[in-house]
Each structure stands twice: as structure tokens, then as C-alpha cells.
Amino acid sequence: MYSRFLDWGYFDHPPMVAIFIRIGDSLMHNELGLRLMTILSSTASIYLLWLILKKYAVDALAFMLVVSGIFIFHIYGFITTPDPPLFFFSVLFYFLYQKYIENDTWLLTLALGIVTACMLYSKYHALLLILFTVISNIKLLKRMSFWGIVVLAIALYIPHIYWQINHNYPSINYHLYDRSAAKYDLSNSYLYVPGQLLMAGPLIGWFLYYKAFTIRVKDTFIRCLLVNCICTFIFFFISTFRGEAQPHWTLITFAPLAMLVLIRFKQFEAPPKWFYRLAYINTGLILFLRISIMFNLPPIALIGQIKSFYGFKEWAQQVHKKAGDSYVIMADGFQNPSKYNYYTNSAKGFSYDSRYYRRTQYDIWPIEEQFQHQRVYYLQDNHSSATVDTIKTKHDKWYGEWVNDTRTYQQISIETDNYKVKLAPGGHKAIVLQITNPYPYPVNFSNQGNTHEVVMGACFFKGDMMVLGQKADSTFNHILLPPHESSLYTFTLTAPVEKSTYDVLFSIRTTPFEGSKNSRVIHLTVE
């Protein structure tokens, strides 16, 4: 879907992954085309690692065993996400930076400026690599060419910055505010290290980290690798105190990890014989997993995320047979609507991001406006009184119903100046809300002459559970918003009688949908 709506930015990520997909998909519209650039770039990345390590005369067999044994290289060697472009450009960055340390030329300056911008266009985690590289070599600040790299990278990145400004900084709001957990979850921290060891290699990961962190720093480049490896590892561990740090977020750690291990092997004694035996078994396990995925072999093919590789082409055709050319709305998840669009070669699948979920790119694309007041097919994973179809697939069961005269307000933005509120039990506070219409047509919240009633209200959450709802008064239904205009509305918030902390958000709901997430979370303390 990113590649169909090419833009300078997206809700979650910068646009490089969309370009990767567009290139491959233009050659062949199938799964291989979608992943083609990932396969080619990951292969090129491994070759670049070998070229970087030539200076240190590392052992070829050790290189093959270490690189083939790092589990995350296999995962993101074929799965297309923003991570493979970042990995490729980060390895290319290291390749150029190694030369730049010794040869301060304007050609390398130009190349590094372009590659740095490409890293930033791949994923925001590139900022960490840039920061830690500078920390490892403060003398860079004295080079005139270094500032040339900075200026060029920023200049090339301006279109994305402008996109963020134009869309009210969705990526910043999501990553800094919406993604943070309300309460600390200890499991995020204690599972982080085992997850990283698994990504480094199911059997050899622990040994690789031990060898990498005991290297002897003999030059500026080794220091760069070590600082990036250690600091990125620590950064994401610290991030577990505010939410989950997914194992693949540290992908940029594993290129320096592999290089440090191989240089360490060359600096001191060769790896012990038992390491070679363990490394062969480690790679064998990974190959068994990959073959199981290729041929859909149980029990591997029934595991969580792996299960999602199968059956969606048939599922999409089943749904399309029921829905025809009507829009298909699915709740709380951008993956299934995107798969439906991919396999039906359309843009008729839509993600209704409810107040129980989060906002996504579907809140930005001009899809929602296309089905207003039309008949749509609403697909859910649970049965309702209006269900007319049951669609059975290999792994799941889906329930469909028809919605006439559809009316949704998913892109309406509700903002306030205060996102931290304290009230006594049962206390009241008048909150001024700015309600903005981003659509290219007027929005009328009146219920007269409409099939489905619209309601706006405050939703009180404790964790993932909504414990209380408070409806806006009837004056809300008198609001008429011209295209791209805003209106102020005063909402009197009434605190629950139970003393506690709550997450409050404002939601606009029309039947039969749950109600969309139209505001950022307000942290309410009742004491």
C-alpha cells in the first residue's frame, strides 16, 4: 500500500521501503517482486561487510559461519519492512566511513551525505547510528567536510520534514506519545536480552556478544563499531522502561557485532573447535526453519507470525466474492486490509482504527472519503446480530455484514492544550476542544436525515479496557465544519468516582463501528 501511495513520508515510517517495493513490484506483481529489492540489498550488504573486513584479513570460513549464523540476517534478508533498507544503507555507510577516516575527500563527503540521507529515509533509528558514530570520533567536528555531510543530508531530508509539518507530525506523536506504555511492564526488560541473543544466533549469540565486547580497540573504525554496538544495545534496553522494544529494532547493531567478532577472532586466538561445531548446528537449525516456512511444514508453519504467511490469497478471493467491488472495512489492524488490497489488486480494503487500537496510515490516505454514504461490507472476527456471511479459512473464521449509508469520521482531529489533568472523584473540568475537518468536503455532525447516529464522547481507559464513557451534549450535533476548517467545542469532563489513573481519549462513533480514535491520550489522575 505504501508503494501505491508514494509520498515523502508515512504515519509510522519514512518512505524508502515504499521505493524498494515499487521497484520490485513494477517488475513482477507477486511475493517475489515485493521482496526482490530486500533480497538483492541484503545480499549486497553481506558482500560489503566482507569488503570492509578485508583490511583486517579475517578468516573466510569464520565469516561464513558468523554471518550465516546471525538469525536476524535471515529474517530481514527476505521480509520486506523498513529494516532491510536501513540495514543496507547502514552497511554502505560503514563501508564509506572506513575510507573517509583515512581519506578526507569531497567525493567521499558527497557519497556519505547521500547515504546518510538514505538511512534517514529508511528508518528513524538511523539517528542513533549517526549520533554514536560522532560520539566515537569527536574529532569529526573539526573537519570542514563533516559539516558538508551534515548540510547535504539535511537538505536532502527537507521534503520528509516538510511532509511531517504538513501532516501535524504524525510519526513524532506516535513514537513519542501514543506508543509509550502507561505502566512499566517488567517482562519488556527481562525478555529484551534473551531476544537479542536469539537474534544474534539461537546457539551462538551469547558467544558472539562476549567476543565482540572483549575486542581490543586499535583504530578509530573499531571504536566506531564498538560504540555503535554497545550504545544501541543499551539505548533500546532503556526504552523497555517506557514500552516494548521489539527484537528487530536493533538490526543496525548486528552489522557492527559481526564485524567486531571477526576482527576479535583475528586479533587473538582462532575460535575454539567447539565453536565451529556449534555454529554448524546453529546454521542448520536456521536452515530447517527456513525450509519449514518455504514448504508450510507443521509445527513451524502454525507459529504466531509465521502463520500469517499463508492462506491470504485464498482468503482475499473469498472475501472479494462476497463483497464484489464494494469497499471492505476491517477493524483494528492495517495488515489484513493491506493484504486484501494486494491480492485483489485494488484499494477497496480499509482499516477502521477504533478507540481500542491506534491510528495508522489509513487515517491519512484518501480512502475513507470514497465510501461515505455508500454500501460497504464490514468484516469482523466476531459474530454480531447483523452477520450475513461466515468465511472460513485455514486458520481463522470471519463474519461479514452489509452497512448502508456508511458514515465515518476517522480522520477528524480533536486537540486540546492540556494532556495531564487532576480531578477529585466526581469533579468536573471544562476542556476546550479544537475539532478539525481534514476532508475535502464539509462535515455535518447533525443526525437529522442520516441512517446512522453520530456520537462524540470521552472514553476512560484503565490499561486496554474501557471502563467508562461520557457522551457529549447535543450542541456537538450542531457543528458544521467546512473543508480543512476547525471549530472550538467545550466539553465538561466528569471524573469517575473511583480514585485511580485513567487514559482518556475523545472518540466519534457511528453504528455499527466501535468509534474511532480522534485525539491523543489525556492522562487523568483522580485523587
Protein backbone atom coordinates (compact mmCIF):
# COMPACT_ATOMS: atom_id res chain seq x y z
CA MET A 1 0.00 0.00 0.00
CA TYR A 2 2.91 2.34 0.71
CA SER A 3 4.17 1.76 -2.83
CA ARG A 4 0.75 2.58 -4.32
CA PHE A 5 0.59 5.89 -2.48
CA LEU A 6 4.17 7.10 -2.94
CA ASP A 7 4.83 10.05 -0.68
CA TRP A 8 7.65 11.76 1.21
CA GLY A 9 6.52 10.15 4.46
CA TYR A 10 4.07 7.80 6.15
CA PHE A 11 2.45 7.56 9.56
CA ASP A 12 4.96 5.09 11.02
CA HIS A 13 7.98 5.36 8.78
CA PRO A 14 9.94 7.30 6.16
CA PRO A 15 9.37 6.26 2.51
CA MET A 16 12.42 4.22 1.44
CA VAL A 17 10.66 0.87 1.89
CA ALA A 18 7.90 2.06 -0.46
CA ILE A 19 10.51 2.73 -3.16
CA PHE A 20 12.05 -0.72 -2.63
CA ILE A 21 8.64 -2.34 -3.06
CA ARG A 22 7.66 -0.19 -6.03
CA ILE A 23 10.81 -1.18 -7.95
CA GLY A 24 10.29 -4.92 -7.45
CA ASP A 25 6.51 -4.82 -7.87
CA SER A 26 6.86 -2.96 -11.18
CA LEU A 27 8.87 -5.94 -12.48
CA MET A 28 6.55 -8.66 -11.17
CA HIS A 29 3.35 -8.36 -9.14
CA ASN A 30 3.85 -11.27 -6.77
CA GLU A 31 5.56 -12.01 -3.47
CA LEU A 32 8.97 -12.30 -5.12
CA GLY A 33 8.57 -8.88 -6.72
CA LEU A 34 7.51 -7.39 -3.40
CA ARG A 35 10.65 -8.80 -1.75
CA LEU A 36 13.07 -8.53 -4.65
CA MET A 37 14.93 -5.40 -3.52
CA THR A 38 15.18 -6.77 0.01
CA ILE A 39 16.84 -9.94 -1.28
CA LEU A 40 19.24 -8.03 -3.54
CA SER A 41 20.12 -5.37 -0.94
CA SER A 42 20.68 -7.91 1.85
CA THR A 43 22.97 -9.90 -0.43
CA ALA A 44 24.88 -6.72 -1.32
CA SER A 45 25.12 -5.90 2.40
CA ILE A 46 26.87 -9.19 3.14
CA TYR A 47 29.35 -8.53 0.33
CA LEU A 48 30.03 -5.03 1.65
CA LEU A 49 30.72 -6.50 5.10
CA TRP A 50 33.32 -8.75 3.51
CA LEU A 51 34.94 -5.79 1.71
CA ILE A 52 35.09 -3.80 4.96
CA LEU A 53 36.74 -6.69 6.79
CA LYS A 54 39.40 -7.26 4.11
CA LYS A 55 41.56 -4.69 5.88
CA TYR A 56 41.63 -6.97 8.92
CA ALA A 57 42.31 -10.16 6.90
CA VAL A 58 39.53 -12.09 8.64
CA ASP A 59 39.11 -15.82 8.06
CA ALA A 60 36.67 -16.70 5.24
CA LEU A 61 35.22 -19.77 6.99
CA ALA A 62 34.67 -17.82 10.21
CA PHE A 63 32.99 -15.05 8.17
CA MET A 64 30.58 -17.53 6.57
CA LEU A 65 29.70 -19.20 9.87
CA VAL A 66 29.19 -15.97 11.79
CA VAL A 67 27.16 -14.19 9.10
CA SER A 68 25.04 -17.24 8.26
CA GLY A 69 24.51 -17.90 11.96
CA ILE A 70 23.08 -14.48 12.85
CA PHE A 71 19.36 -15.20 12.87
CA ILE A 72 18.16 -11.65 12.19
CA PHE A 73 20.11 -11.55 8.89
CA HIS A 74 17.92 -14.41 7.67
CA ILE A 75 14.64 -12.85 8.81
CA TYR A 76 15.25 -9.48 7.22
CA GLY A 77 17.11 -10.98 4.30
CA PHE A 78 13.75 -11.62 2.64
CA ILE A 79 10.92 -9.99 4.65
CA THR A 80 10.23 -6.50 3.34
CA THR A 81 9.88 -3.92 6.10
CA PRO A 82 11.69 -0.59 6.64
CA ASP A 83 14.52 -2.56 8.30
CA PRO A 84 16.24 -4.05 5.18
CA PRO A 85 16.75 -0.63 3.50
CA LEU A 86 18.15 0.71 6.77
CA PHE A 87 20.47 -2.29 7.08
CA PHE A 88 21.76 -1.90 3.53
CA PHE A 89 22.43 1.83 3.81
CA SER A 90 23.97 1.47 7.28
CA VAL A 91 26.46 -1.13 5.98
CA LEU A 92 27.16 1.11 2.99
CA PHE A 93 27.68 3.95 5.48
CA TYR A 94 30.27 1.89 7.37
CA PHE A 95 31.98 0.98 4.08
CA LEU A 96 32.32 4.66 3.11
CA TYR A 97 33.10 5.87 6.62
CA GLN A 98 36.04 3.44 6.88
CA LYS A 99 37.54 5.10 3.81
CA TYR A 100 36.59 8.62 4.95
CA ILE A 101 38.54 8.24 8.20
CA GLU A 102 41.79 7.97 6.25
CA ASN A 103 40.91 9.92 3.09
CA ASP A 104 39.05 13.16 3.61
CA THR A 105 37.90 13.78 0.04
CA TRP A 106 34.92 15.69 -1.31
CA LEU A 107 33.83 12.65 -3.30
CA LEU A 108 33.50 10.65 -0.07
CA THR A 109 31.81 13.64 1.54
CA LEU A 110 29.22 13.68 -1.22
CA ALA A 111 28.67 9.92 -1.01
CA LEU A 112 28.33 9.98 2.79
CA GLY A 113 25.86 12.88 2.65
CA ILE A 114 23.65 10.96 0.20
CA VAL A 115 23.92 7.67 2.11
CA THR A 116 23.17 9.39 5.43
CA ALA A 117 20.01 10.87 3.92
CA CYS A 118 19.07 7.43 2.54
CA MET A 119 19.47 5.94 6.03
CA LEU A 120 17.16 8.60 7.46
CA TYR A 121 14.67 7.95 4.65
CA SER A 122 14.75 4.26 5.62
CA LYS A 123 14.02 4.40 9.34
CA TYR A 124 14.37 6.92 12.16
CA HIS A 125 16.73 4.56 14.02
CA ALA A 126 19.42 5.85 11.67
CA LEU A 127 19.71 8.83 14.01
CA LEU A 128 21.29 6.51 16.58
CA LEU A 129 23.98 5.31 14.17
CA ILE A 130 24.82 8.90 13.20
CA LEU A 131 24.93 10.09 16.81
CA PHE A 132 27.03 7.20 18.12
CA THR A 133 29.45 7.45 15.19
CA VAL A 134 30.12 11.11 16.05
CA ILE A 135 30.49 10.26 19.75
CA SER A 136 33.07 7.62 18.84
CA ASN A 137 35.12 10.19 16.91
CA ILE A 138 34.60 13.72 18.25
CA LYS A 139 37.43 14.93 16.01
CA LEU A 140 34.97 14.75 13.12
CA LEU A 141 33.53 18.06 14.33
CA LYS A 142 36.80 19.74 13.33
CA ARG A 143 36.55 18.60 9.71
CA MET A 144 35.01 21.06 7.28
CA SER A 145 33.87 18.14 5.11
CA PHE A 146 31.93 16.66 8.05
CA TRP A 147 29.70 19.73 8.11
CA GLY A 148 29.32 19.34 4.37
CA ILE A 149 27.91 15.84 5.03
CA VAL A 150 25.52 17.28 7.63
CA VAL A 151 24.28 20.07 5.36
CA LEU A 152 23.81 17.78 2.36
CA ALA A 153 21.96 15.12 4.38
CA ILE A 154 19.61 17.71 5.93
CA ALA A 155 18.99 19.36 2.55
CA LEU A 156 18.05 16.00 1.02
CA TYR A 157 15.82 15.25 4.02
CA ILE A 158 13.83 18.51 3.86
CA PRO A 159 10.94 17.00 1.83
CA HIS A 160 10.26 14.50 4.62
CA ILE A 161 10.46 17.20 7.30
CA TYR A 162 8.02 19.29 5.28
CA TRP A 163 5.70 16.26 5.00
CA GLN A 164 5.74 15.85 8.79
CA ILE A 165 4.89 19.53 9.28
CA ASN A 166 2.04 19.35 6.74
CA HIS A 167 0.53 16.30 8.47
CA ASN A 168 0.91 17.62 12.04
CA TYR A 169 3.91 15.41 12.93
CA PRO A 170 2.14 12.01 12.99
CA SER A 171 5.35 9.97 13.33
CA ILE A 172 6.62 12.07 16.24
CA ASN A 173 3.28 11.95 18.05
CA TYR A 174 3.01 8.21 17.57
CA HIS A 175 6.55 7.21 18.55
CA LEU A 176 6.94 9.65 21.46
CA TYR A 177 3.43 9.72 22.91
CA ASP A 178 0.99 7.10 21.64
CA ARG A 179 3.47 4.22 21.72
CA SER A 180 4.52 4.68 25.35
CA ALA A 181 3.01 2.24 27.83
CA ALA A 182 1.01 3.79 30.68
CA LYS A 183 2.61 1.40 33.18
CA TYR A 184 6.00 -0.27 33.29
CA ASP A 185 5.93 -3.93 32.28
CA LEU A 186 8.85 -5.85 33.77
CA SER A 187 8.68 -8.50 31.06
CA ASN A 188 9.70 -5.91 28.44
CA SER A 189 13.06 -5.57 30.22
CA TYR A 190 13.86 -9.12 31.22
CA LEU A 191 12.87 -10.54 27.82
CA TYR A 192 14.96 -7.97 25.95
CA VAL A 193 18.36 -9.64 26.47
CA PRO A 194 17.20 -13.19 25.57
CA GLY A 195 15.54 -11.72 22.48
CA GLN A 196 18.78 -10.09 21.41
CA LEU A 197 20.76 -13.29 21.99
CA LEU A 198 18.22 -15.18 19.86
CA MET A 199 18.51 -12.63 17.05
CA ALA A 200 22.32 -12.99 17.17
CA GLY A 201 22.02 -16.76 16.79
CA PRO A 202 19.95 -19.33 18.70
CA LEU A 203 23.05 -21.24 19.85
CA ILE A 204 25.98 -18.88 19.25
CA GLY A 205 24.51 -15.47 20.09
CA TRP A 206 25.89 -15.39 23.62
CA PHE A 207 29.40 -16.20 22.36
CA LEU A 208 29.28 -13.51 19.66
CA TYR A 209 28.37 -10.81 22.16
CA TYR A 210 31.10 -11.96 24.55
CA LYS A 211 33.76 -11.84 21.84
CA ALA A 212 32.57 -8.52 20.40
CA PHE A 213 32.60 -6.75 23.77
CA THR A 214 36.10 -8.01 24.62
CA ILE A 215 37.76 -6.69 21.48
CA ARG A 216 40.93 -4.60 21.63
CA VAL A 217 40.30 -1.14 20.15
CA LYS A 218 43.25 -0.50 17.83
CA ASP A 219 41.84 2.11 15.45
CA THR A 220 39.08 4.69 15.01
CA PHE A 221 36.89 2.39 12.93
CA ILE A 222 36.88 -0.40 15.52
CA ARG A 223 35.95 2.20 18.15
CA CYS A 224 33.05 3.30 15.91
CA LEU A 225 31.78 -0.28 15.62
CA LEU A 226 32.08 -0.91 19.36
CA VAL A 227 30.38 2.34 20.42
CA ASN A 228 27.52 1.75 17.97
CA CYS A 229 27.08 -1.85 19.08
CA ILE A 230 27.12 -1.17 22.83
CA CYS A 231 25.23 2.13 22.82
CA THR A 232 22.45 0.91 20.53
CA PHE A 233 22.03 -2.19 22.70
CA ILE A 234 21.82 -0.04 25.85
CA PHE A 235 19.53 2.56 24.22
CA PHE A 236 16.86 0.02 23.36
CA PHE A 237 17.19 -1.67 26.74
CA ILE A 238 16.47 1.68 28.39
CA SER A 239 13.48 2.10 26.05
CA THR A 240 11.93 -1.04 27.59
CA PHE A 241 11.09 1.06 30.65
CA ARG A 242 8.54 3.00 28.57
CA GLY A 243 7.22 0.15 26.41
CA GLU A 244 8.15 -2.90 24.38
CA ALA A 245 11.40 -2.86 22.40
CA GLN A 246 10.85 -5.31 19.57
CA PRO A 247 13.87 -7.57 18.85
CA HIS A 248 14.34 -6.35 15.27
CA TRP A 249 14.66 -2.69 16.29
CA THR A 250 18.33 -3.37 16.98
CA LEU A 251 19.07 -4.64 13.46
CA ILE A 252 21.64 -1.85 12.99
CA THR A 253 23.55 -3.40 15.93
CA PHE A 254 24.24 -6.68 14.17
CA ALA A 255 26.44 -5.42 11.33
CA PRO A 256 28.99 -3.99 13.81
CA LEU A 257 28.52 -7.05 16.03
CA ALA A 258 29.50 -9.41 13.19
CA MET A 259 32.50 -7.27 12.23
CA LEU A 260 33.70 -6.94 15.83
CA VAL A 261 33.53 -10.70 16.38
CA LEU A 262 35.51 -11.47 13.23
CA ILE A 263 38.15 -8.82 13.96
CA ARG A 264 38.38 -10.16 17.54
CA PHE A 265 39.00 -13.68 16.17
CA LYS A 266 41.89 -12.29 14.11
CA GLN A 267 43.36 -10.22 16.96
CA PHE A 268 43.70 -13.14 19.34
CA GLU A 269 43.47 -16.89 19.01
CA ALA A 270 41.24 -18.56 16.43
CA PRO A 271 37.79 -19.65 17.64
CA PRO A 272 37.81 -22.92 19.59
CA LYS A 273 36.89 -26.08 17.68
CA TRP A 274 33.65 -26.46 19.61
CA PHE A 275 32.51 -23.09 18.23
CA TYR A 276 32.72 -24.39 14.66
CA ARG A 277 30.63 -27.45 15.56
CA LEU A 278 28.09 -25.30 17.40
CA ALA A 279 27.99 -22.79 14.53
CA TYR A 280 27.24 -25.55 12.01
CA ILE A 281 24.36 -26.79 14.16
CA ASN A 282 23.16 -23.21 14.67
CA THR A 283 23.04 -22.57 10.92
CA GLY A 284 21.41 -25.96 10.38
CA LEU A 285 18.58 -25.03 12.76
CA ILE A 286 18.02 -21.77 10.90
CA LEU A 287 18.00 -23.55 7.54
CA PHE A 288 15.48 -26.06 8.91
CA LEU A 289 13.26 -23.15 9.97
CA ARG A 290 13.54 -21.50 6.55
CA ILE A 291 12.74 -24.75 4.71
CA SER A 292 9.75 -25.28 7.01
CA ILE A 293 8.50 -21.80 6.11
CA MET A 294 9.07 -22.40 2.39
CA PHE A 295 7.06 -25.64 2.36
CA ASN A 296 4.48 -24.72 5.05
CA LEU A 297 5.59 -27.57 7.33
CA PRO A 298 3.97 -28.06 10.73
CA PRO A 299 4.51 -27.28 13.54
CA ILE A 300 6.69 -24.33 12.38
CA ALA A 301 4.01 -23.03 9.99
CA LEU A 302 1.48 -22.81 12.84
CA ILE A 303 3.57 -20.45 14.99
CA GLY A 304 2.24 -16.90 15.54
CA GLN A 305 3.72 -14.54 12.98
CA ILE A 306 4.83 -17.36 10.66
CA LYS A 307 1.20 -18.45 10.33
CA SER A 308 0.38 -15.10 8.74
CA PHE A 309 2.45 -16.01 5.64
CA TYR A 310 -0.16 -18.48 4.41
CA GLY A 311 -3.71 -18.53 3.09
CA PHE A 312 -4.31 -14.84 2.50
CA LYS A 313 -4.53 -15.07 -1.28
CA GLU A 314 -7.41 -17.54 -0.97
CA TRP A 315 -8.93 -15.51 1.88
CA ALA A 316 -8.88 -12.32 -0.19
CA GLN A 317 -10.63 -14.07 -3.07
CA GLN A 318 -13.29 -15.45 -0.70
CA VAL A 319 -13.97 -12.00 0.73
CA HIS A 320 -13.98 -10.41 -2.72
CA LYS A 321 -16.53 -12.98 -3.87
CA LYS A 322 -18.87 -11.78 -1.10
CA ALA A 323 -18.11 -8.06 -1.28
CA GLY A 324 -17.73 -7.65 -5.03
CA ASP A 325 -16.50 -4.15 -5.90
CA SER A 326 -17.77 -2.64 -2.64
CA TYR A 327 -15.37 -1.27 -0.07
CA VAL A 328 -14.41 -3.74 2.67
CA ILE A 329 -13.90 -2.32 6.16
CA MET A 330 -11.94 -4.26 8.78
CA ALA A 331 -11.35 -3.15 12.35
CA ASP A 332 -8.12 -2.60 14.26
CA GLY A 333 -5.24 -3.67 12.09
CA PHE A 334 -3.64 -2.38 8.90
CA GLN A 335 -2.20 -5.76 7.85
CA ASN A 336 -5.38 -7.54 6.72
CA PRO A 337 -6.84 -4.65 4.67
CA SER A 338 -3.43 -4.26 3.01
CA LYS A 339 -3.27 -7.96 2.16
CA TYR A 340 -6.80 -7.77 0.77
CA ASN A 341 -5.80 -4.83 -1.43
CA TYR A 342 -2.65 -6.59 -2.58
CA TYR A 343 -4.28 -9.86 -3.59
CA THR A 344 -7.33 -8.20 -5.21
CA ASN A 345 -5.12 -5.58 -6.88
CA SER A 346 -7.40 -2.83 -5.57
CA ALA A 347 -7.59 -0.14 -2.91
CA LYS A 348 -11.02 -1.17 -1.60
CA GLY A 349 -9.80 -2.58 1.73
CA PHE A 350 -9.87 -0.13 4.65
CA SER A 351 -8.70 -0.29 8.25
CA TYR A 352 -11.15 1.20 10.74
CA ASP A 353 -8.82 2.21 13.56
CA SER A 354 -11.04 2.16 16.62
CA ARG A 355 -10.53 3.77 20.01
CA TYR A 356 -9.24 0.38 21.23
CA TYR A 357 -6.40 0.40 18.69
CA ARG A 358 -4.19 3.18 17.36
CA ARG A 359 -4.01 5.50 14.40
CA THR A 360 -2.35 4.24 11.20
CA GLN A 361 -1.57 5.32 7.66
CA TYR A 362 -5.20 4.58 6.78
CA ASP A 363 -6.04 7.74 8.75
CA ILE A 364 -4.08 9.74 6.16
CA TRP A 365 -4.79 8.10 2.80
CA PRO A 366 -7.83 9.40 0.86
CA ILE A 367 -9.71 6.09 1.04
CA GLU A 368 -12.25 6.77 3.77
CA GLU A 369 -13.77 9.69 1.90
CA GLN A 370 -14.51 7.45 -1.09
CA PHE A 371 -17.14 5.27 0.65
CA GLN A 372 -19.11 7.90 2.58
CA HIS A 373 -22.88 7.29 2.28
CA GLN A 374 -22.22 4.14 0.24
CA ARG A 375 -22.99 0.49 0.97
CA VAL A 376 -19.90 -1.24 2.39
CA TYR A 377 -19.00 -4.75 3.53
CA TYR A 378 -17.95 -4.84 7.20
CA LEU A 379 -15.69 -7.81 8.01
CA GLN A 380 -15.04 -8.80 11.63
CA ASP A 381 -13.51 -11.71 13.51
CA ASN A 382 -16.54 -12.00 15.83
CA HIS A 383 -20.20 -12.71 15.20
CA SER A 384 -22.88 -10.00 15.51
CA SER A 385 -26.65 -9.85 15.14
CA ALA A 386 -26.20 -8.32 11.67
CA THR A 387 -23.85 -11.04 10.35
CA VAL A 388 -24.91 -12.33 6.93
CA ASP A 389 -21.78 -14.26 5.89
CA THR A 390 -19.33 -16.61 7.58
CA ILE A 391 -15.99 -17.02 5.82
CA LYS A 392 -13.82 -19.92 6.97
CA THR A 393 -10.12 -20.03 6.19
CA LYS A 394 -7.34 -22.42 7.16
CA HIS A 395 -6.54 -20.50 10.34
CA ASP A 396 -9.49 -18.20 11.10
CA LYS A 397 -13.19 -17.58 10.80
CA TRP A 398 -14.55 -14.23 9.61
CA TYR A 399 -18.03 -12.69 9.76
CA GLY A 400 -19.38 -10.22 7.24
CA GLU A 401 -22.30 -7.79 7.27
CA TRP A 402 -23.54 -5.03 4.99
CA VAL A 403 -23.69 -1.41 6.16
CA ASN A 404 -25.89 1.01 4.20
CA ASP A 405 -25.33 4.77 4.01
CA THR A 406 -21.94 4.44 5.73
CA ARG A 407 -20.85 7.39 7.84
CA THR A 408 -17.41 7.55 9.50
CA TYR A 409 -15.17 10.32 10.87
CA GLN A 410 -11.86 8.55 11.38
CA GLN A 411 -9.67 11.45 10.20
CA ILE A 412 -11.37 14.13 12.30
CA SER A 413 -8.78 15.54 14.69
CA ILE A 414 -9.65 16.59 18.26
CA GLU A 415 -6.97 18.51 20.12
CA THR A 416 -6.65 20.30 23.44
CA ASP A 417 -3.96 22.26 25.24
CA ASN A 418 -3.85 20.07 28.36
CA TYR A 419 -2.93 16.38 28.27
CA LYS A 420 -2.43 15.97 32.03
CA VAL A 421 -5.46 16.56 34.27
CA LYS A 422 -6.03 16.09 38.01
CA LEU A 423 -9.55 15.98 39.47
CA ALA A 424 -11.30 14.96 42.65
CA PRO A 425 -13.69 11.97 42.43
CA GLY A 426 -16.79 13.12 40.58
CA GLY A 427 -15.15 16.50 39.87
CA HIS A 428 -15.73 18.50 36.70
CA LYS A 429 -13.45 20.31 34.31
CA ALA A 430 -14.33 22.26 31.18
CA ILE A 431 -11.96 21.26 28.37
CA VAL A 432 -11.82 23.32 25.20
CA LEU A 433 -11.51 21.05 22.19
CA GLN A 434 -10.40 22.08 18.74
CA ILE A 435 -12.20 19.87 16.21
CA THR A 436 -10.62 19.92 12.75
CA ASN A 437 -12.04 18.67 9.46
CA PRO A 438 -9.22 17.41 7.17
CA TYR A 439 -11.59 16.18 4.44
CA PRO A 440 -12.09 17.94 1.09
CA TYR A 441 -15.83 18.21 1.81
CA PRO A 442 -17.97 19.77 4.59
CA VAL A 443 -18.70 17.68 7.69
CA ASN A 444 -22.06 17.97 9.40
CA PHE A 445 -22.46 16.17 12.73
CA SER A 446 -26.25 16.51 12.65
CA ASN A 447 -28.25 13.29 12.96
CA GLN A 448 -31.25 14.58 11.02
CA GLY A 449 -31.80 12.70 7.77
CA ASN A 450 -28.94 10.24 8.44
CA THR A 451 -29.29 6.49 8.81
CA HIS A 452 -26.61 6.22 11.48
CA GLU A 453 -26.44 8.39 14.58
CA VAL A 454 -23.11 10.11 15.34
CA VAL A 455 -21.96 10.43 18.94
CA MET A 456 -18.84 12.07 20.33
CA GLY A 457 -17.64 11.27 23.81
CA ALA A 458 -14.79 10.83 26.26
CA CYS A 459 -13.59 7.26 26.76
CA PHE A 460 -11.93 6.34 30.06
CA PHE A 461 -9.41 3.51 29.88
CA LYS A 462 -7.54 1.52 32.52
CA GLY A 463 -4.89 -0.37 30.62
CA ASP A 464 -6.52 -1.77 27.47
CA MET A 465 -10.02 -1.84 28.96
CA MET A 466 -12.56 0.96 28.56
CA VAL A 467 -14.23 1.36 31.95
CA LEU A 468 -16.40 4.41 31.38
CA GLY A 469 -17.81 6.54 28.59
CA GLN A 470 -19.14 10.09 28.75
CA LYS A 471 -21.27 11.42 25.92
CA ALA A 472 -21.06 14.99 24.59
CA ASP A 473 -24.20 17.11 24.84
CA SER A 474 -26.47 17.79 21.88
CA THR A 475 -24.66 21.00 20.91
CA PHE A 476 -21.97 18.82 19.34
CA ASN A 477 -24.51 17.76 16.71
CA HIS A 478 -24.94 21.40 15.67
CA ILE A 479 -21.32 21.66 14.48
CA LEU A 480 -20.83 22.15 10.74
CA LEU A 481 -17.22 22.18 9.56
CA PRO A 482 -16.20 23.45 6.10
CA PRO A 483 -13.30 21.58 4.39
CA HIS A 484 -9.97 21.98 6.25
CA GLU A 485 -11.55 24.22 8.90
CA SER A 486 -11.72 23.95 12.70
CA SER A 487 -14.24 24.73 15.40
CA LEU A 488 -13.95 25.06 19.18
CA TYR A 489 -16.20 22.97 21.41
CA THR A 490 -16.26 22.96 25.22
CA PHE A 491 -16.60 19.52 26.77
CA THR A 492 -17.27 19.21 30.51
CA LEU A 493 -15.25 16.24 31.71
CA THR A 494 -16.61 14.46 34.77
CA ALA A 495 -14.14 12.36 36.75
CA PRO A 496 -15.02 8.79 37.80
CA VAL A 497 -15.83 8.31 41.50
CA GLU A 498 -13.05 5.73 41.88
CA LYS A 499 -9.64 7.16 42.71
CA SER A 500 -7.16 5.96 40.13
CA THR A 501 -5.29 6.98 36.99
CA TYR A 502 -7.07 6.86 33.64
CA ASP A 503 -6.22 7.34 30.00
CA VAL A 504 -8.90 9.49 28.40
CA LEU A 505 -9.39 9.97 24.68
CA PHE A 506 -12.14 11.50 22.57
CA SER A 507 -13.91 9.29 20.07
CA ILE A 508 -16.52 9.86 17.36
CA ARG A 509 -18.78 6.85 16.82
CA THR A 510 -21.35 5.85 14.22
CA THR A 511 -23.06 2.47 14.17
CA PRO A 512 -22.11 -0.32 13.72
CA PHE A 513 -18.48 0.71 14.32
CA GLU A 514 -16.72 0.90 17.69
CA GLY A 515 -15.79 4.57 17.46
CA SER A 516 -12.54 5.98 16.09
CA LYS A 517 -9.55 7.32 17.99
CA ASN A 518 -9.79 11.05 17.27
CA SER A 519 -7.49 12.51 19.92
CA ARG A 520 -4.26 11.92 21.75
CA VAL A 521 -4.48 10.35 25.18
CA ILE A 522 -5.14 12.64 28.16
CA HIS A 523 -3.66 11.33 31.40
CA LEU A 524 -6.26 11.80 34.15
CA THR A 525 -5.46 11.38 37.83
CA VAL A 526 -8.42 11.12 40.21
CA GLU A 527 -7.31 11.69 43.80
